[in-house]
Amino acid sequence: MPKRKPPLTPDEFPLEADEEKVKTTDGKTIAEADSEATADEIADRLNEHHDREEEDRWSA
C-alpha cells in the first residue's frame, strides 16, 4: 500500500501548474499529470475547493 502524504495546509495555496506538475507556493511538487492541460485543471479544481472551504469557515 502506498504511503500517504500529509494533507496540504492553507499556506501551500494557491497551487500552480508548471508544465505537467502541480506545485505548492513554495515550489514543492505534489502531483504529476499526463499533460500540461491536466495539471492546469487539477490545480484549478484544488484551488477552487480550497477557496470554498475557506469561505465556509468564515461564514460559519
N, C-alpha and C. Protein backbone atom coordinates (compact mmCIF):
# COMPACT_ATOMS: atom_id res chain seq x y z
N MET A 1 0.85 -1.18 0.00
CA MET A 1 0.00 0.00 0.00
C MET A 1 0.89 1.24 0.00
N PRO A 2 0.62 2.21 -0.90
CA PRO A 2 1.46 3.41 -0.97
C PRO A 2 1.36 4.24 0.31
N LYS A 3 2.45 4.87 0.64
CA LYS A 3 2.49 5.73 1.82
C LYS A 3 1.71 7.01 1.53
N ARG A 4 0.82 7.38 2.45
CA ARG A 4 0.00 8.59 2.28
C ARG A 4 0.81 9.82 2.66
N LYS A 5 0.66 10.84 1.88
CA LYS A 5 1.32 12.11 2.17
C LYS A 5 0.43 12.93 3.09
N PRO A 6 1.02 13.81 3.89
CA PRO A 6 0.20 14.65 4.77
C PRO A 6 -0.67 15.59 3.94
N PRO A 7 -1.83 15.99 4.48
CA PRO A 7 -2.71 16.90 3.72
C PRO A 7 -2.05 18.26 3.52
N LEU A 8 -2.50 18.95 2.49
CA LEU A 8 -1.99 20.29 2.22
C LEU A 8 -2.47 21.25 3.30
N THR A 9 -1.65 22.23 3.60
CA THR A 9 -2.01 23.24 4.58
C THR A 9 -2.40 24.53 3.84
N PRO A 10 -3.17 25.40 4.48
CA PRO A 10 -3.62 26.63 3.82
C PRO A 10 -2.48 27.49 3.27
N ASP A 11 -1.33 27.48 3.92
CA ASP A 11 -0.23 28.32 3.43
C ASP A 11 0.42 27.76 2.17
N GLU A 12 0.04 26.57 1.72
CA GLU A 12 0.58 26.00 0.49
C GLU A 12 -0.25 26.38 -0.74
N PHE A 13 -1.33 27.11 -0.53
CA PHE A 13 -2.19 27.55 -1.62
C PHE A 13 -1.88 28.99 -1.98
N PRO A 14 -2.15 29.42 -3.20
CA PRO A 14 -2.74 28.69 -4.30
C PRO A 14 -1.72 27.77 -4.96
N LEU A 15 -2.22 26.68 -5.50
CA LEU A 15 -1.37 25.74 -6.23
C LEU A 15 -1.16 26.27 -7.64
N GLU A 16 -0.07 25.85 -8.25
CA GLU A 16 0.26 26.28 -9.60
C GLU A 16 0.62 25.09 -10.46
N ALA A 17 0.30 25.17 -11.74
CA ALA A 17 0.72 24.15 -12.69
C ALA A 17 2.02 24.64 -13.34
N ASP A 18 3.00 23.76 -13.37
CA ASP A 18 4.28 24.05 -14.00
C ASP A 18 4.56 22.90 -14.97
N GLU A 19 4.23 23.15 -16.23
CA GLU A 19 4.26 22.11 -17.25
C GLU A 19 3.34 20.97 -16.82
N GLU A 20 3.85 19.78 -16.57
CA GLU A 20 2.99 18.65 -16.20
C GLU A 20 2.98 18.39 -14.70
N LYS A 21 3.44 19.35 -13.90
CA LYS A 21 3.50 19.19 -12.45
C LYS A 21 2.57 20.19 -11.76
N VAL A 22 2.04 19.78 -10.63
CA VAL A 22 1.24 20.67 -9.78
C VAL A 22 2.11 20.96 -8.57
N LYS A 23 2.32 22.26 -8.30
CA LYS A 23 3.23 22.66 -7.24
C LYS A 23 2.56 23.60 -6.25
N THR A 24 3.08 23.57 -5.00
CA THR A 24 2.63 24.48 -3.97
C THR A 24 3.31 25.83 -4.16
N THR A 25 2.94 26.81 -3.35
CA THR A 25 3.53 28.13 -3.48
C THR A 25 5.04 28.13 -3.22
N ASP A 26 5.52 27.18 -2.44
CA ASP A 26 6.96 27.12 -2.18
C ASP A 26 7.71 26.24 -3.18
N GLY A 27 7.01 25.79 -4.24
CA GLY A 27 7.66 25.05 -5.31
C GLY A 27 7.72 23.55 -5.14
N LYS A 28 7.11 23.02 -4.07
CA LYS A 28 7.11 21.58 -3.84
C LYS A 28 6.11 20.91 -4.79
N THR A 29 6.57 19.90 -5.53
CA THR A 29 5.70 19.16 -6.43
C THR A 29 4.81 18.22 -5.63
N ILE A 30 3.50 18.34 -5.85
CA ILE A 30 2.56 17.47 -5.12
C ILE A 30 1.89 16.46 -6.04
N ALA A 31 1.97 16.69 -7.37
CA ALA A 31 1.36 15.76 -8.31
C ALA A 31 1.99 15.95 -9.68
N GLU A 32 1.96 14.88 -10.45
CA GLU A 32 2.39 14.93 -11.85
C GLU A 32 1.24 14.41 -12.70
N ALA A 33 0.98 15.12 -13.79
CA ALA A 33 -0.14 14.78 -14.67
C ALA A 33 0.38 14.29 -16.01
N ASP A 34 -0.53 13.77 -16.83
CA ASP A 34 -0.16 13.28 -18.16
C ASP A 34 0.09 14.40 -19.15
N SER A 35 -0.49 15.58 -18.88
CA SER A 35 -0.32 16.70 -19.81
C SER A 35 -0.37 18.01 -19.03
N GLU A 36 0.07 19.06 -19.69
CA GLU A 36 0.03 20.40 -19.08
C GLU A 36 -1.41 20.84 -18.82
N ALA A 37 -2.31 20.51 -19.74
CA ALA A 37 -3.72 20.87 -19.57
C ALA A 37 -4.32 20.18 -18.35
N THR A 38 -3.96 18.92 -18.13
CA THR A 38 -4.45 18.19 -16.97
C THR A 38 -3.90 18.78 -15.68
N ALA A 39 -2.64 19.14 -15.68
CA ALA A 39 -2.04 19.77 -14.50
C ALA A 39 -2.74 21.09 -14.18
N ASP A 40 -3.05 21.88 -15.21
CA ASP A 40 -3.79 23.13 -15.01
C ASP A 40 -5.16 22.86 -14.40
N GLU A 41 -5.86 21.85 -14.91
CA GLU A 41 -7.19 21.51 -14.41
C GLU A 41 -7.13 21.06 -12.95
N ILE A 42 -6.16 20.24 -12.62
CA ILE A 42 -6.01 19.76 -11.24
C ILE A 42 -5.76 20.93 -10.30
N ALA A 43 -4.83 21.81 -10.67
CA ALA A 43 -4.51 22.97 -9.82
C ALA A 43 -5.74 23.85 -9.66
N ASP A 44 -6.46 24.12 -10.75
CA ASP A 44 -7.65 24.97 -10.68
C ASP A 44 -8.71 24.37 -9.76
N ARG A 45 -8.97 23.08 -9.91
CA ARG A 45 -10.00 22.44 -9.09
C ARG A 45 -9.62 22.42 -7.61
N LEU A 46 -8.37 22.12 -7.32
CA LEU A 46 -7.94 22.12 -5.91
C LEU A 46 -7.99 23.52 -5.32
N ASN A 47 -7.61 24.53 -6.10
CA ASN A 47 -7.69 25.91 -5.61
C ASN A 47 -9.13 26.33 -5.36
N GLU A 48 -10.03 25.96 -6.27
CA GLU A 48 -11.45 26.29 -6.09
C GLU A 48 -12.01 25.60 -4.84
N HIS A 49 -11.65 24.35 -4.65
CA HIS A 49 -12.11 23.61 -3.47
C HIS A 49 -11.59 24.27 -2.19
N HIS A 50 -10.33 24.65 -2.20
CA HIS A 50 -9.75 25.32 -1.03
C HIS A 50 -10.47 26.65 -0.77
N ASP A 51 -10.74 27.41 -1.82
CA ASP A 51 -11.44 28.69 -1.66
C ASP A 51 -12.83 28.49 -1.04
N ARG A 52 -13.56 27.47 -1.50
CA ARG A 52 -14.89 27.19 -0.94
C ARG A 52 -14.79 26.81 0.54
N GLU A 53 -13.80 26.00 0.88
CA GLU A 53 -13.62 25.63 2.28
C GLU A 53 -13.32 26.85 3.15
N GLU A 54 -12.50 27.75 2.65
CA GLU A 54 -12.18 28.98 3.39
C GLU A 54 -13.43 29.84 3.56
N GLU A 55 -14.24 29.98 2.52
CA GLU A 55 -15.47 30.75 2.61
C GLU A 55 -16.43 30.13 3.62
N ASP A 56 -16.55 28.80 3.59
CA ASP A 56 -17.41 28.11 4.55
C ASP A 56 -16.93 28.33 5.99
N ARG A 57 -15.65 28.32 6.17
CA ARG A 57 -15.08 28.52 7.50
C ARG A 57 -15.41 29.93 8.03
N TRP A 58 -15.34 30.93 7.13
CA TRP A 58 -15.61 32.29 7.55
C TRP A 58 -17.09 32.56 7.74
N SER A 59 -17.94 31.85 7.00
CA SER A 59 -19.38 32.11 7.11
C SER A 59 -20.06 31.32 8.22
N ALA A 60 -19.36 30.38 8.79
CA ALA A 60 -19.96 29.55 9.86
C ALA A 60 -20.07 30.28 11.16
